[in-house]
Amino acid sequence: MDSSTKENQRITGSSVLPFAIDPQWNCIYFLLAQERVVPGWSSGSQTWSDFGGAAQRPCDTAYETAGREFVEESMGLIRFSPGDSVPYESHAPVSRALSAGEFALSVTFTMRSKSTRYITFLKQIDFDRHAMHKHEITFCALRDKGDGKTTTVRHPLLSRTGTVPDSFLEKTAIRWWSVPQLYSAMRRARGNNERLRSSFANRLRVILKEFPKDGRIQSNGPRWEHVFPITTYHNPSVYKTGPRAAKTDNNDDGNVLELQHCRE
């Protein structure tokens, strides 16, 4: 796709898909969030996906949208860059980091209409085995704010007046998924109780091609075999070395996408 076509396309939305290396087993895990129950939305209620959504304004960049959605849907609890203080007070630090190229891979989907794009940013973060529990207790504290219940949770939204914005309560849980678990979820999309959102699964089919199928970083042959050392969460010198066009499968709903990733 030439640059003039890209300039004429509107960013309809964007997302962050965090992943980490388990230091005990050297395996790759992706962090997903579960949608709350939404009456009348059987296809999306309680499904799992990355942290993302639609642009709020036509002028919003993919970085602004992805940063905002990541902070809101994670309740600001997930540290995007080493040294960041969490919970985040705002999405600004994450949006700035994205605009500075602090991500490992971006996947750009051009929709069927050819007039809009959706961009997913993959970001390596620290592996926190307690992330699910932190999310659970913070979600309950934010949900119950104003009910008179006492809590030991510290969060910027608890110290502010007024109710908690609904956008911070959209995701009821988070969970680490291994690469084999994601492949299994995509194969059993209709009969699985823990379903992936269909639009996310379409993107995930392409994204997982960039990772070893067994999720082990020491496996033979993966393109990024030496890119993900356990102690390195981001390395701007290897980001965005150039775009590579890629075709989607028939299951990818006819979208056209491009990848930006580091090369060995």
C-alpha atoms as a PDB file:
ATOM      1  CA  MET A   1       0.000   0.000   0.000  1.00  0.00           C
ATOM      2  CA  ASP A   2       1.441   3.382  -0.979  1.00  0.00           C
ATOM      3  CA  SER A   3       1.778   6.293   1.435  1.00  0.00           C
ATOM      4  CA  SER A   4      -0.913   8.388  -0.258  1.00  0.00           C
ATOM      5  CA  THR A   5      -3.486   5.649   0.312  1.00  0.00           C
ATOM      6  CA  LYS A   6      -2.533   5.410   3.978  1.00  0.00           C
ATOM      7  CA  GLU A   7      -2.881   9.157   4.453  1.00  0.00           C
ATOM      8  CA  ASN A   8      -6.447   9.018   3.148  1.00  0.00           C
ATOM      9  CA  GLN A   9      -7.444   6.243   5.531  1.00  0.00           C
ATOM     10  CA  ARG A  10      -9.108   6.973   8.842  1.00  0.00           C
ATOM     11  CA  ILE A  11      -7.966   5.187  12.002  1.00  0.00           C
ATOM     12  CA  THR A  12     -11.148   3.517  13.187  1.00  0.00           C
ATOM     13  CA  GLY A  13      -9.527   2.071  16.309  1.00  0.00           C
ATOM     14  CA  SER A  14      -6.424   0.546  17.835  1.00  0.00           C
ATOM     15  CA  SER A  15      -5.314  -1.761  20.620  1.00  0.00           C
ATOM     16  CA  VAL A  16      -2.434  -3.014  22.751  1.00  0.00           C
ATOM     17  CA  LEU A  17      -1.696  -6.735  23.018  1.00  0.00           C
ATOM     18  CA  PRO A  18       0.782  -7.267  25.883  1.00  0.00           C
ATOM     19  CA  PHE A  19       2.979 -10.346  26.060  1.00  0.00           C
ATOM     20  CA  ALA A  20       5.659 -11.511  28.476  1.00  0.00           C
ATOM     21  CA  ILE A  21       8.213 -14.243  29.067  1.00  0.00           C
ATOM     22  CA  ASP A  22       7.665 -16.537  32.036  1.00  0.00           C
ATOM     23  CA  PRO A  23      11.139 -16.528  33.640  1.00  0.00           C
ATOM     24  CA  GLN A  24      10.674 -20.013  35.089  1.00  0.00           C
ATOM     25  CA  TRP A  25       9.872 -21.884  31.877  1.00  0.00           C
ATOM     26  CA  ASN A  26      10.949 -19.391  29.179  1.00  0.00           C
ATOM     27  CA  CYS A  27       7.487 -19.487  27.624  1.00  0.00           C
ATOM     28  CA  ILE A  28       5.601 -16.642  25.937  1.00  0.00           C
ATOM     29  CA  TYR A  29       2.286 -15.579  27.446  1.00  0.00           C
ATOM     30  CA  PHE A  30      -0.235 -13.028  26.167  1.00  0.00           C
ATOM     31  CA  LEU A  31      -2.333 -10.935  28.536  1.00  0.00           C
ATOM     32  CA  LEU A  32      -6.018 -10.771  27.571  1.00  0.00           C
ATOM     33  CA  ALA A  33      -9.052  -9.160  29.185  1.00  0.00           C
ATOM     34  CA  GLN A  34     -12.577 -10.530  29.489  1.00  0.00           C
ATOM     35  CA  GLU A  35     -15.603  -8.484  28.476  1.00  0.00           C
ATOM     36  CA  ARG A  36     -18.378  -8.057  31.021  1.00  0.00           C
ATOM     37  CA  VAL A  37     -21.860  -9.409  30.417  1.00  0.00           C
ATOM     38  CA  VAL A  38     -23.681  -7.107  28.004  1.00  0.00           C
ATOM     39  CA  PRO A  39     -27.413  -7.845  27.530  1.00  0.00           C
ATOM     40  CA  GLY A  40     -28.271  -8.333  23.880  1.00  0.00           C
ATOM     41  CA  TRP A  41     -24.658  -8.884  22.832  1.00  0.00           C
ATOM     42  CA  SER A  42     -24.324 -12.652  22.912  1.00  0.00           C
ATOM     43  CA  SER A  43     -21.456 -12.691  20.423  1.00  0.00           C
ATOM     44  CA  GLY A  44     -19.278 -10.409  22.535  1.00  0.00           C
ATOM     45  CA  SER A  45     -20.333 -10.839  26.162  1.00  0.00           C
ATOM     46  CA  GLN A  46     -17.679 -12.530  28.308  1.00  0.00           C
ATOM     47  CA  THR A  47     -15.315 -12.976  25.381  1.00  0.00           C
ATOM     48  CA  TRP A  48     -11.552 -12.458  25.665  1.00  0.00           C
ATOM     49  CA  SER A  49      -9.536  -9.985  23.634  1.00  0.00           C
ATOM     50  CA  ASP A  50      -6.699  -7.484  23.763  1.00  0.00           C
ATOM     51  CA  PHE A  51      -6.997  -3.966  25.211  1.00  0.00           C
ATOM     52  CA  GLY A  52      -8.488  -1.740  22.545  1.00  0.00           C
ATOM     53  CA  GLY A  53     -11.419   0.063  21.044  1.00  0.00           C
ATOM     54  CA  ALA A  54     -12.639   2.777  18.737  1.00  0.00           C
ATOM     55  CA  ALA A  55     -11.206   6.253  18.336  1.00  0.00           C
ATOM     56  CA  GLN A  56     -13.290   8.815  20.225  1.00  0.00           C
ATOM     57  CA  ARG A  57     -12.574  11.705  17.853  1.00  0.00           C
ATOM     58  CA  PRO A  58     -11.601  11.836  14.165  1.00  0.00           C
ATOM     59  CA  CYS A  59      -8.342  13.540  15.137  1.00  0.00           C
ATOM     60  CA  ASP A  60      -7.299  10.825  17.620  1.00  0.00           C
ATOM     61  CA  THR A  61      -4.162   8.966  16.595  1.00  0.00           C
ATOM     62  CA  ALA A  62      -3.730   5.212  16.886  1.00  0.00           C
ATOM     63  CA  TYR A  63      -1.280   5.850  19.736  1.00  0.00           C
ATOM     64  CA  GLU A  64      -3.760   7.981  21.695  1.00  0.00           C
ATOM     65  CA  THR A  65      -6.583   5.502  21.226  1.00  0.00           C
ATOM     66  CA  ALA A  66      -4.522   2.428  22.095  1.00  0.00           C
ATOM     67  CA  GLY A  67      -2.984   4.131  25.133  1.00  0.00           C
ATOM     68  CA  ARG A  68      -6.362   5.246  26.447  1.00  0.00           C
ATOM     69  CA  GLU A  69      -7.981   1.847  25.948  1.00  0.00           C
ATOM     70  CA  PHE A  70      -5.045   0.011  27.511  1.00  0.00           C
ATOM     71  CA  VAL A  71      -5.114   2.124  30.673  1.00  0.00           C
ATOM     72  CA  GLU A  72      -8.896   2.131  31.038  1.00  0.00           C
ATOM     73  CA  GLU A  73      -9.452  -1.562  30.380  1.00  0.00           C
ATOM     74  CA  SER A  74      -6.557  -2.613  32.617  1.00  0.00           C
ATOM     75  CA  MET A  75      -7.677  -0.055  35.237  1.00  0.00           C
ATOM     76  CA  GLY A  76      -4.194   1.412  34.956  1.00  0.00           C
ATOM     77  CA  LEU A  77      -2.648  -1.546  36.778  1.00  0.00           C
ATOM     78  CA  ILE A  78      -0.399  -2.997  34.058  1.00  0.00           C
ATOM     79  CA  ARG A  79       3.033  -1.374  33.799  1.00  0.00           C
ATOM     80  CA  PHE A  80       3.645  -0.571  30.137  1.00  0.00           C
ATOM     81  CA  SER A  81       7.276   0.591  30.414  1.00  0.00           C
ATOM     82  CA  PRO A  82       9.925  -0.157  33.052  1.00  0.00           C
ATOM     83  CA  GLY A  83       9.998   2.564  35.690  1.00  0.00           C
ATOM     84  CA  ASP A  84       6.382   3.654  35.193  1.00  0.00           C
ATOM     85  CA  SER A  85       4.389   4.223  38.365  1.00  0.00           C
ATOM     86  CA  VAL A  86       1.112   2.312  38.516  1.00  0.00           C
ATOM     87  CA  PRO A  87      -1.808   2.667  38.784  1.00  0.00           C
ATOM     88  CA  TYR A  88      -1.589   5.258  36.016  1.00  0.00           C
ATOM     89  CA  GLU A  89      -3.136   8.662  36.650  1.00  0.00           C
ATOM     90  CA  SER A  90      -3.830   9.015  32.915  1.00  0.00           C
ATOM     91  CA  HIS A  91      -3.102   7.299  29.628  1.00  0.00           C
ATOM     92  CA  ALA A  92      -0.588   9.954  28.549  1.00  0.00           C
ATOM     93  CA  PRO A  93       2.584   7.989  29.468  1.00  0.00           C
ATOM     94  CA  VAL A  94       1.433   4.951  27.498  1.00  0.00           C
ATOM     95  CA  SER A  95       0.369   6.968  24.459  1.00  0.00           C
ATOM     96  CA  ARG A  96       3.717   8.793  24.478  1.00  0.00           C
ATOM     97  CA  ALA A  97       5.624   5.520  24.700  1.00  0.00           C
ATOM     98  CA  LEU A  98       3.701   4.106  21.745  1.00  0.00           C
ATOM     99  CA  SER A  99       4.316   7.226  19.653  1.00  0.00           C
ATOM    100  CA  ALA A 100       8.032   6.898  20.493  1.00  0.00           C
ATOM    101  CA  GLY A 101       8.067   3.389  19.027  1.00  0.00           C
ATOM    102  CA  GLU A 102       8.147   1.443  22.275  1.00  0.00           C
ATOM    103  CA  PHE A 103       6.469  -1.672  20.941  1.00  0.00           C
ATOM    104  CA  ALA A 104       7.711  -4.884  19.381  1.00  0.00           C
ATOM    105  CA  LEU A 105       5.277  -5.235  16.488  1.00  0.00           C
ATOM    106  CA  SER A 106       2.377  -3.377  14.946  1.00  0.00           C
ATOM    107  CA  VAL A 107      -0.282  -5.001  12.803  1.00  0.00           C
ATOM    108  CA  THR A 108      -2.285  -2.709  10.541  1.00  0.00           C
ATOM    109  CA  PHE A 109      -5.605  -4.005   9.238  1.00  0.00           C
ATOM    110  CA  THR A 110      -7.156  -2.222   6.289  1.00  0.00           C
ATOM    111  CA  MET A 111     -10.862  -2.932   6.364  1.00  0.00           C
ATOM    112  CA  ARG A 112     -12.923  -4.120   3.407  1.00  0.00           C
ATOM    113  CA  SER A 113     -14.031  -0.594   2.585  1.00  0.00           C
ATOM    114  CA  LYS A 114     -10.334   0.378   2.160  1.00  0.00           C
ATOM    115  CA  SER A 115     -11.114   3.686   3.875  1.00  0.00           C
ATOM    116  CA  THR A 116     -10.361   2.724   7.479  1.00  0.00           C
ATOM    117  CA  ARG A 117      -7.563   1.053   9.400  1.00  0.00           C
ATOM    118  CA  TYR A 118      -7.310  -0.726  12.738  1.00  0.00           C
ATOM    119  CA  ILE A 119      -3.865  -1.020  14.342  1.00  0.00           C
ATOM    120  CA  THR A 120      -2.732  -3.453  17.028  1.00  0.00           C
ATOM    121  CA  PHE A 121       0.495  -2.807  18.937  1.00  0.00           C
ATOM    122  CA  LEU A 122       2.288  -5.738  20.566  1.00  0.00           C
ATOM    123  CA  LYS A 123       4.261  -4.785  23.641  1.00  0.00           C
ATOM    124  CA  GLN A 124       6.546  -6.940  25.770  1.00  0.00           C
ATOM    125  CA  ILE A 125       5.969  -6.287  29.467  1.00  0.00           C
ATOM    126  CA  ASP A 126       7.169  -7.786  32.725  1.00  0.00           C
ATOM    127  CA  PHE A 127       5.622 -11.134  33.638  1.00  0.00           C
ATOM    128  CA  ASP A 128       3.530 -10.568  36.761  1.00  0.00           C
ATOM    129  CA  ARG A 129       1.992 -13.764  38.075  1.00  0.00           C
ATOM    130  CA  HIS A 130      -0.130 -11.720  40.496  1.00  0.00           C
ATOM    131  CA  ALA A 131      -1.701  -9.537  37.802  1.00  0.00           C
ATOM    132  CA  MET A 132      -4.997 -11.440  37.785  1.00  0.00           C
ATOM    133  CA  HIS A 133      -5.485 -11.110  41.546  1.00  0.00           C
ATOM    134  CA  LYS A 134      -4.596  -7.403  41.519  1.00  0.00           C
ATOM    135  CA  HIS A 135      -7.156  -6.825  38.784  1.00  0.00           C
ATOM    136  CA  GLU A 136      -9.832  -8.760  40.650  1.00  0.00           C
ATOM    137  CA  ILE A 137      -9.562  -6.873  43.938  1.00  0.00           C
ATOM    138  CA  THR A 138      -9.226  -3.492  42.212  1.00  0.00           C
ATOM    139  CA  PHE A 139     -12.239  -4.175  39.990  1.00  0.00           C
ATOM    140  CA  CYS A 140     -14.350  -4.969  43.050  1.00  0.00           C
ATOM    141  CA  ALA A 141     -13.166  -1.820  44.835  1.00  0.00           C
ATOM    142  CA  LEU A 142     -13.941   0.432  41.864  1.00  0.00           C
ATOM    143  CA  ARG A 143     -17.268  -1.257  41.171  1.00  0.00           C
ATOM    144  CA  ASP A 144     -18.347  -0.884  44.798  1.00  0.00           C
ATOM    145  CA  LYS A 145     -17.174   2.707  45.231  1.00  0.00           C
ATOM    146  CA  GLY A 146     -19.817   4.706  47.050  1.00  0.00           C
ATOM    147  CA  ASP A 147     -21.426   1.643  48.644  1.00  0.00           C
ATOM    148  CA  GLY A 148     -19.790   2.340  51.991  1.00  0.00           C
ATOM    149  CA  LYS A 149     -17.520  -0.689  51.843  1.00  0.00           C
ATOM    150  CA  THR A 150     -14.023  -0.318  53.232  1.00  0.00           C
ATOM    151  CA  THR A 151     -11.045  -1.250  51.091  1.00  0.00           C
ATOM    152  CA  THR A 152      -7.272  -1.249  51.311  1.00  0.00           C
ATOM    153  CA  VAL A 153      -6.952  -0.781  47.543  1.00  0.00           C
ATOM    154  CA  ARG A 154      -5.118   2.367  46.458  1.00  0.00           C
ATOM    155  CA  HIS A 155      -6.239   3.770  43.130  1.00  0.00           C
ATOM    156  CA  PRO A 156      -6.532   7.331  41.738  1.00  0.00           C
ATOM    157  CA  LEU A 157     -10.223   6.851  40.949  1.00  0.00           C
ATOM    158  CA  LEU A 158     -11.017   5.959  44.558  1.00  0.00           C
ATOM    159  CA  SER A 159      -9.702   9.302  45.797  1.00  0.00           C
ATOM    160  CA  ARG A 160     -11.717  11.345  43.309  1.00  0.00           C
ATOM    161  CA  THR A 161     -15.273  12.497  43.790  1.00  0.00           C
ATOM    162  CA  GLY A 162     -18.038  11.100  41.657  1.00  0.00           C
ATOM    163  CA  THR A 163     -18.613   7.668  40.219  1.00  0.00           C
ATOM    164  CA  VAL A 164     -16.039   5.530  38.455  1.00  0.00           C
ATOM    165  CA  PRO A 165     -16.209   5.980  34.658  1.00  0.00           C
ATOM    166  CA  ASP A 166     -17.904   3.037  33.001  1.00  0.00           C
ATOM    167  CA  SER A 167     -14.946   2.602  30.648  1.00  0.00           C
ATOM    168  CA  PHE A 168     -12.833   1.376  33.585  1.00  0.00           C
ATOM    169  CA  LEU A 169     -15.299  -1.415  34.377  1.00  0.00           C
ATOM    170  CA  GLU A 170     -15.694  -2.912  30.910  1.00  0.00           C
ATOM    171  CA  LYS A 171     -13.297  -5.794  31.585  1.00  0.00           C
ATOM    172  CA  THR A 172     -14.161  -8.010  34.531  1.00  0.00           C
ATOM    173  CA  ALA A 173     -10.994 -10.134  34.494  1.00  0.00           C
ATOM    174  CA  ILE A 174      -7.565 -10.499  32.941  1.00  0.00           C
ATOM    175  CA  ARG A 175      -5.573 -13.662  32.319  1.00  0.00           C
ATOM    176  CA  TRP A 176      -2.277 -14.886  30.920  1.00  0.00           C
ATOM    177  CA  TRP A 177      -2.716 -17.171  27.895  1.00  0.00           C
ATOM    178  CA  SER A 178      -0.010 -19.414  26.491  1.00  0.00           C
ATOM    179  CA  VAL A 179       0.423 -19.706  22.728  1.00  0.00           C
ATOM    180  CA  PRO A 180      -0.957 -23.299  22.659  1.00  0.00           C
ATOM    181  CA  GLN A 181      -3.983 -22.162  24.695  1.00  0.00           C
ATOM    182  CA  LEU A 182      -4.704 -19.436  22.146  1.00  0.00           C
ATOM    183  CA  TYR A 183      -4.494 -21.880  19.241  1.00  0.00           C
ATOM    184  CA  SER A 184      -6.857 -24.193  21.104  1.00  0.00           C
ATOM    185  CA  ALA A 185      -9.327 -21.369  21.756  1.00  0.00           C
ATOM    186  CA  MET A 186      -9.343 -20.441  18.064  1.00  0.00           C
ATOM    187  CA  ARG A 187      -9.997 -24.045  17.027  1.00  0.00           C
ATOM    188  CA  ARG A 188     -12.883 -24.425  19.490  1.00  0.00           C
ATOM    189  CA  ALA A 189     -14.386 -20.998  18.904  1.00  0.00           C
ATOM    190  CA  ARG A 190     -18.034 -22.081  18.945  1.00  0.00           C
ATOM    191  CA  GLY A 191     -18.084 -24.701  21.670  1.00  0.00           C
ATOM    192  CA  ASN A 192     -15.627 -23.185  24.100  1.00  0.00           C
ATOM    193  CA  ASN A 193     -16.869 -21.527  27.285  1.00  0.00           C
ATOM    194  CA  GLU A 194     -13.862 -19.187  27.253  1.00  0.00           C
ATOM    195  CA  ARG A 195     -14.312 -17.658  23.830  1.00  0.00           C
ATOM    196  CA  LEU A 196     -12.134 -15.179  22.000  1.00  0.00           C
ATOM    197  CA  ARG A 197     -13.889 -12.218  20.443  1.00  0.00           C
ATOM    198  CA  SER A 198     -14.207 -12.969  16.740  1.00  0.00           C
ATOM    199  CA  SER A 199     -12.615  -9.736  15.518  1.00  0.00           C
ATOM    200  CA  PHE A 200      -9.667 -10.301  17.852  1.00  0.00           C
ATOM    201  CA  ALA A 201      -9.306 -13.926  16.763  1.00  0.00           C
ATOM    202  CA  ASN A 202      -8.999 -12.764  13.148  1.00  0.00           C
ATOM    203  CA  ARG A 203      -6.079 -10.520  14.073  1.00  0.00           C
ATOM    204  CA  LEU A 204      -4.568 -13.123  16.366  1.00  0.00           C
ATOM    205  CA  ARG A 205      -4.326 -15.686  13.560  1.00  0.00           C
ATOM    206  CA  VAL A 206      -1.871 -13.406  11.827  1.00  0.00           C
ATOM    207  CA  ILE A 207      -0.028 -12.236  14.937  1.00  0.00           C
ATOM    208  CA  LEU A 208       0.729 -15.751  16.167  1.00  0.00           C
ATOM    209  CA  LYS A 209       2.541 -16.532  12.929  1.00  0.00           C
ATOM    210  CA  GLU A 210       5.291 -14.247  14.215  1.00  0.00           C
ATOM    211  CA  PHE A 211       5.845 -16.395  17.323  1.00  0.00           C
ATOM    212  CA  PRO A 212       7.002 -19.998  17.872  1.00  0.00           C
ATOM    213  CA  LYS A 213       3.969 -22.257  17.749  1.00  0.00           C
ATOM    214  CA  ASP A 214       4.801 -23.988  21.025  1.00  0.00           C
ATOM    215  CA  GLY A 215       5.403 -20.639  22.732  1.00  0.00           C
ATOM    216  CA  ARG A 216       8.939 -21.513  23.823  1.00  0.00           C
ATOM    217  CA  ILE A 217      11.572 -18.922  23.012  1.00  0.00           C
ATOM    218  CA  GLN A 218      14.317 -21.541  22.692  1.00  0.00           C
ATOM    219  CA  SER A 219      12.451 -23.447  19.946  1.00  0.00           C
ATOM    220  CA  ASN A 220      14.224 -23.926  16.631  1.00  0.00           C
ATOM    221  CA  GLY A 221      13.296 -21.643  13.803  1.00  0.00           C
ATOM    222  CA  PRO A 222      11.108 -18.810  15.163  1.00  0.00           C
ATOM    223  CA  ARG A 223      11.758 -15.494  13.488  1.00  0.00           C
ATOM    224  CA  TRP A 224      12.176 -13.724  16.825  1.00  0.00           C
ATOM    225  CA  GLU A 225      14.207 -16.417  18.547  1.00  0.00           C
ATOM    226  CA  HIS A 226      16.755 -13.980  19.975  1.00  0.00           C
ATOM    227  CA  VAL A 227      14.637 -10.844  20.263  1.00  0.00           C
ATOM    228  CA  PHE A 228      12.892 -11.495  23.560  1.00  0.00           C
ATOM    229  CA  PRO A 229      15.446 -11.842  26.363  1.00  0.00           C
ATOM    230  CA  ILE A 230      13.707 -12.177  29.699  1.00  0.00           C
ATOM    231  CA  THR A 231      15.271  -9.070  31.190  1.00  0.00           C
ATOM    232  CA  THR A 232      14.494  -6.774  28.227  1.00  0.00           C
ATOM    233  CA  TYR A 233      11.018  -5.274  28.056  1.00  0.00           C
ATOM    234  CA  HIS A 234      11.627  -2.963  25.134  1.00  0.00           C
ATOM    235  CA  ASN A 235      14.530  -2.023  22.921  1.00  0.00           C
ATOM    236  CA  PRO A 236      13.784   0.911  20.611  1.00  0.00           C
ATOM    237  CA  SER A 237      16.856   0.184  18.501  1.00  0.00           C
ATOM    238  CA  VAL A 238      15.242  -2.924  17.038  1.00  0.00           C
ATOM    239  CA  TYR A 239      11.718  -1.613  16.564  1.00  0.00           C
ATOM    240  CA  LYS A 240      10.049  -0.751  13.288  1.00  0.00           C
ATOM    241  CA  THR A 241      12.966  -1.555  11.019  1.00  0.00           C
ATOM    242  CA  GLY A 242      10.625  -1.662   8.077  1.00  0.00           C
ATOM    243  CA  PRO A 243       7.194  -2.754   6.899  1.00  0.00           C
ATOM    244  CA  ARG A 244       6.518  -6.169   5.470  1.00  0.00           C
ATOM    245  CA  ALA A 245       3.304  -6.855   3.593  1.00  0.00           C
ATOM    246  CA  ALA A 246       1.441 -10.018   4.468  1.00  0.00           C
ATOM    247  CA  LYS A 247      -1.686 -11.680   3.125  1.00  0.00           C
ATOM    248  CA  THR A 248      -4.408 -12.847   5.414  1.00  0.00           C
ATOM    249  CA  ASP A 249      -6.008 -16.271   5.442  1.00  0.00           C
ATOM    250  CA  ASN A 250      -9.548 -16.762   4.219  1.00  0.00           C
ATOM    251  CA  ASN A 251     -10.628 -16.631   7.859  1.00  0.00           C
ATOM    252  CA  ASP A 252      -9.366 -13.090   8.241  1.00  0.00           C
ATOM    253  CA  ASP A 253     -12.544 -11.577   6.810  1.00  0.00           C
ATOM    254  CA  GLY A 254     -10.805 -10.173   3.759  1.00  0.00           C
ATOM    255  CA  ASN A 255      -8.763  -7.600   5.634  1.00  0.00           C
ATOM    256  CA  VAL A 256      -5.442  -6.425   4.289  1.00  0.00           C
ATOM    257  CA  LEU A 257      -2.675  -5.990   6.810  1.00  0.00           C
ATOM    258  CA  GLU A 258       0.920  -4.956   7.126  1.00  0.00           C
ATOM    259  CA  LEU A 259       3.456  -5.860   9.768  1.00  0.00           C
ATOM    260  CA  GLN A 260       6.204  -3.808  11.318  1.00  0.00           C
ATOM    261  CA  HIS A 261       8.643  -5.828  13.357  1.00  0.00           C
ATOM    262  CA  CYS A 262      12.245  -6.222  14.357  1.00  0.00           C
ATOM    263  CA  ARG A 263      14.408  -8.465  12.212  1.00  0.00           C
ATOM    264  CA  GLU A 264      17.176 -10.828  13.232  1.00  0.00           C
END
